[in-house]
């Protein structure tokens, strides 16, 4: 018996984020694009994958985020992506 894992392509939807210190709306891929490596890093408290979501010009703004702001970003991102309570259909 074998488990066959189907190919999967994330929807390509994006979420808009306004970071403190900027009026620009940054478009980032929705949370269903996370790989197991990124999810594992997040669970360990390594939020470096957040830099991969944003263009380099936003990295300085990300550097200045505090714990509560990172939590707000992650909760809002997963909620808006529809993965807060599991993947959206």
C-alpha atoms as a PDB file:
ATOM      1  CA  UNK A   1       0.000   0.000   0.000  1.00  0.00           C
ATOM      2  CA  UNK A   2       1.250   3.506  -0.782  1.00  0.00           C
ATOM      3  CA  UNK A   3       0.211   7.005   0.121  1.00  0.00           C
ATOM      4  CA  UNK A   4       0.173   9.164  -2.961  1.00  0.00           C
ATOM      5  CA  UNK A   5       0.607  12.846  -2.201  1.00  0.00           C
ATOM      6  CA  UNK A   6      -0.977  14.984  -4.866  1.00  0.00           C
ATOM      7  CA  UNK A   7       0.824  17.930  -6.436  1.00  0.00           C
ATOM      8  CA  UNK A   8      -0.186  21.160  -4.789  1.00  0.00           C
ATOM      9  CA  UNK A   9       0.031  24.715  -6.023  1.00  0.00           C
ATOM     10  CA  UNK A  10      -0.929  27.510  -3.593  1.00  0.00           C
ATOM     11  CA  UNK A  11      -3.686  29.780  -4.835  1.00  0.00           C
ATOM     12  CA  UNK A  12      -1.448  32.773  -5.513  1.00  0.00           C
ATOM     13  CA  UNK A  13      -3.695  35.042  -3.459  1.00  0.00           C
ATOM     14  CA  UNK A  14      -1.987  37.855  -1.602  1.00  0.00           C
ATOM     15  CA  UNK A  15      -2.617  39.691   1.653  1.00  0.00           C
ATOM     16  CA  UNK A  16      -1.958  43.406   2.077  1.00  0.00           C
ATOM     17  CA  UNK A  17      -0.012  44.561   5.124  1.00  0.00           C
ATOM     18  CA  UNK A  18       0.793  48.074   6.328  1.00  0.00           C
ATOM     19  CA  UNK A  19       3.912  48.059   8.503  1.00  0.00           C
ATOM     20  CA  UNK A  20       4.541  50.674  11.213  1.00  0.00           C
ATOM     21  CA  UNK A  21       6.559  53.566   9.823  1.00  0.00           C
ATOM     22  CA  UNK A  22       5.177  53.166   6.303  1.00  0.00           C
ATOM     23  CA  UNK A  23       1.960  54.120   4.574  1.00  0.00           C
ATOM     24  CA  UNK A  24       2.670  51.663   1.755  1.00  0.00           C
ATOM     25  CA  UNK A  25       0.561  48.540   1.422  1.00  0.00           C
ATOM     26  CA  UNK A  26       2.875  45.575   1.063  1.00  0.00           C
ATOM     27  CA  UNK A  27       1.453  42.537  -0.759  1.00  0.00           C
ATOM     28  CA  UNK A  28       2.628  39.229   0.656  1.00  0.00           C
ATOM     29  CA  UNK A  29       1.644  35.696  -0.376  1.00  0.00           C
ATOM     30  CA  UNK A  30      -1.093  34.126   1.687  1.00  0.00           C
ATOM     31  CA  UNK A  31      -0.188  31.736   4.493  1.00  0.00           C
ATOM     32  CA  UNK A  32      -0.982  28.584   2.536  1.00  0.00           C
ATOM     33  CA  UNK A  33       2.362  29.097   0.749  1.00  0.00           C
ATOM     34  CA  UNK A  34       4.325  28.141   3.885  1.00  0.00           C
ATOM     35  CA  UNK A  35       6.510  25.093   3.564  1.00  0.00           C
ATOM     36  CA  UNK A  36       7.111  22.612   6.376  1.00  0.00           C
ATOM     37  CA  UNK A  37      10.558  24.161   6.895  1.00  0.00           C
ATOM     38  CA  UNK A  38       9.022  27.612   7.401  1.00  0.00           C
ATOM     39  CA  UNK A  39       6.258  26.279   9.677  1.00  0.00           C
ATOM     40  CA  UNK A  40       8.813  24.439  11.794  1.00  0.00           C
ATOM     41  CA  UNK A  41      10.940  27.581  12.079  1.00  0.00           C
ATOM     42  CA  UNK A  42       7.912  29.612  13.191  1.00  0.00           C
ATOM     43  CA  UNK A  43       7.011  27.009  15.815  1.00  0.00           C
ATOM     44  CA  UNK A  44      10.574  27.276  17.172  1.00  0.00           C
ATOM     45  CA  UNK A  45      10.204  31.057  17.357  1.00  0.00           C
ATOM     46  CA  UNK A  46      12.491  31.662  14.359  1.00  0.00           C
ATOM     47  CA  UNK A  47      10.587  34.248  12.382  1.00  0.00           C
ATOM     48  CA  UNK A  48      13.292  34.824   9.764  1.00  0.00           C
ATOM     49  CA  UNK A  49      10.947  33.457   7.108  1.00  0.00           C
ATOM     50  CA  UNK A  50       8.980  36.714   7.417  1.00  0.00           C
ATOM     51  CA  UNK A  51      11.794  38.430   5.507  1.00  0.00           C
ATOM     52  CA  UNK A  52      11.138  36.042   2.602  1.00  0.00           C
ATOM     53  CA  UNK A  53       7.556  37.296   2.377  1.00  0.00           C
ATOM     54  CA  UNK A  54       8.434  40.971   1.963  1.00  0.00           C
ATOM     55  CA  UNK A  55      10.636  42.771  -0.563  1.00  0.00           C
ATOM     56  CA  UNK A  56      14.067  43.847   0.661  1.00  0.00           C
ATOM     57  CA  UNK A  57      12.986  47.482   0.985  1.00  0.00           C
ATOM     58  CA  UNK A  58      10.624  46.452   3.823  1.00  0.00           C
ATOM     59  CA  UNK A  59      13.272  44.582   5.839  1.00  0.00           C
ATOM     60  CA  UNK A  60      14.290  47.610   7.898  1.00  0.00           C
ATOM     61  CA  UNK A  61      10.660  48.067   8.935  1.00  0.00           C
ATOM     62  CA  UNK A  62      10.456  44.385   9.883  1.00  0.00           C
ATOM     63  CA  UNK A  63      13.653  44.756  11.933  1.00  0.00           C
ATOM     64  CA  UNK A  64      11.843  47.287  14.122  1.00  0.00           C
ATOM     65  CA  UNK A  65       8.800  45.130  14.905  1.00  0.00           C
ATOM     66  CA  UNK A  66       8.234  44.170  18.529  1.00  0.00           C
ATOM     67  CA  UNK A  67       6.916  40.823  19.762  1.00  0.00           C
ATOM     68  CA  UNK A  68       3.280  41.998  19.979  1.00  0.00           C
ATOM     69  CA  UNK A  69       3.489  43.410  16.441  1.00  0.00           C
ATOM     70  CA  UNK A  70       4.925  40.155  15.060  1.00  0.00           C
ATOM     71  CA  UNK A  71       2.109  38.286  16.791  1.00  0.00           C
ATOM     72  CA  UNK A  72      -0.424  40.700  15.263  1.00  0.00           C
ATOM     73  CA  UNK A  73       1.139  40.216  11.817  1.00  0.00           C
ATOM     74  CA  UNK A  74       1.095  36.421  12.031  1.00  0.00           C
ATOM     75  CA  UNK A  75      -2.426  36.168  13.447  1.00  0.00           C
ATOM     76  CA  UNK A  76      -3.822  38.635  10.910  1.00  0.00           C
ATOM     77  CA  UNK A  77      -1.947  36.972   8.059  1.00  0.00           C
ATOM     78  CA  UNK A  78      -3.224  33.480   8.860  1.00  0.00           C
ATOM     79  CA  UNK A  79      -6.761  34.745   9.475  1.00  0.00           C
ATOM     80  CA  UNK A  80      -6.894  36.710   6.217  1.00  0.00           C
ATOM     81  CA  UNK A  81      -5.387  33.708   4.416  1.00  0.00           C
ATOM     82  CA  UNK A  82      -8.151  31.445   5.688  1.00  0.00           C
ATOM     83  CA  UNK A  83      -5.773  29.045   7.402  1.00  0.00           C
ATOM     84  CA  UNK A  84      -6.420  30.140  10.985  1.00  0.00           C
ATOM     85  CA  UNK A  85      -8.785  27.222  11.520  1.00  0.00           C
ATOM     86  CA  UNK A  86      -7.369  24.984   8.809  1.00  0.00           C
ATOM     87  CA  UNK A  87      -7.053  25.390   5.052  1.00  0.00           C
ATOM     88  CA  UNK A  88      -9.840  27.061   3.147  1.00  0.00           C
ATOM     89  CA  UNK A  89     -11.716  24.944   0.653  1.00  0.00           C
END
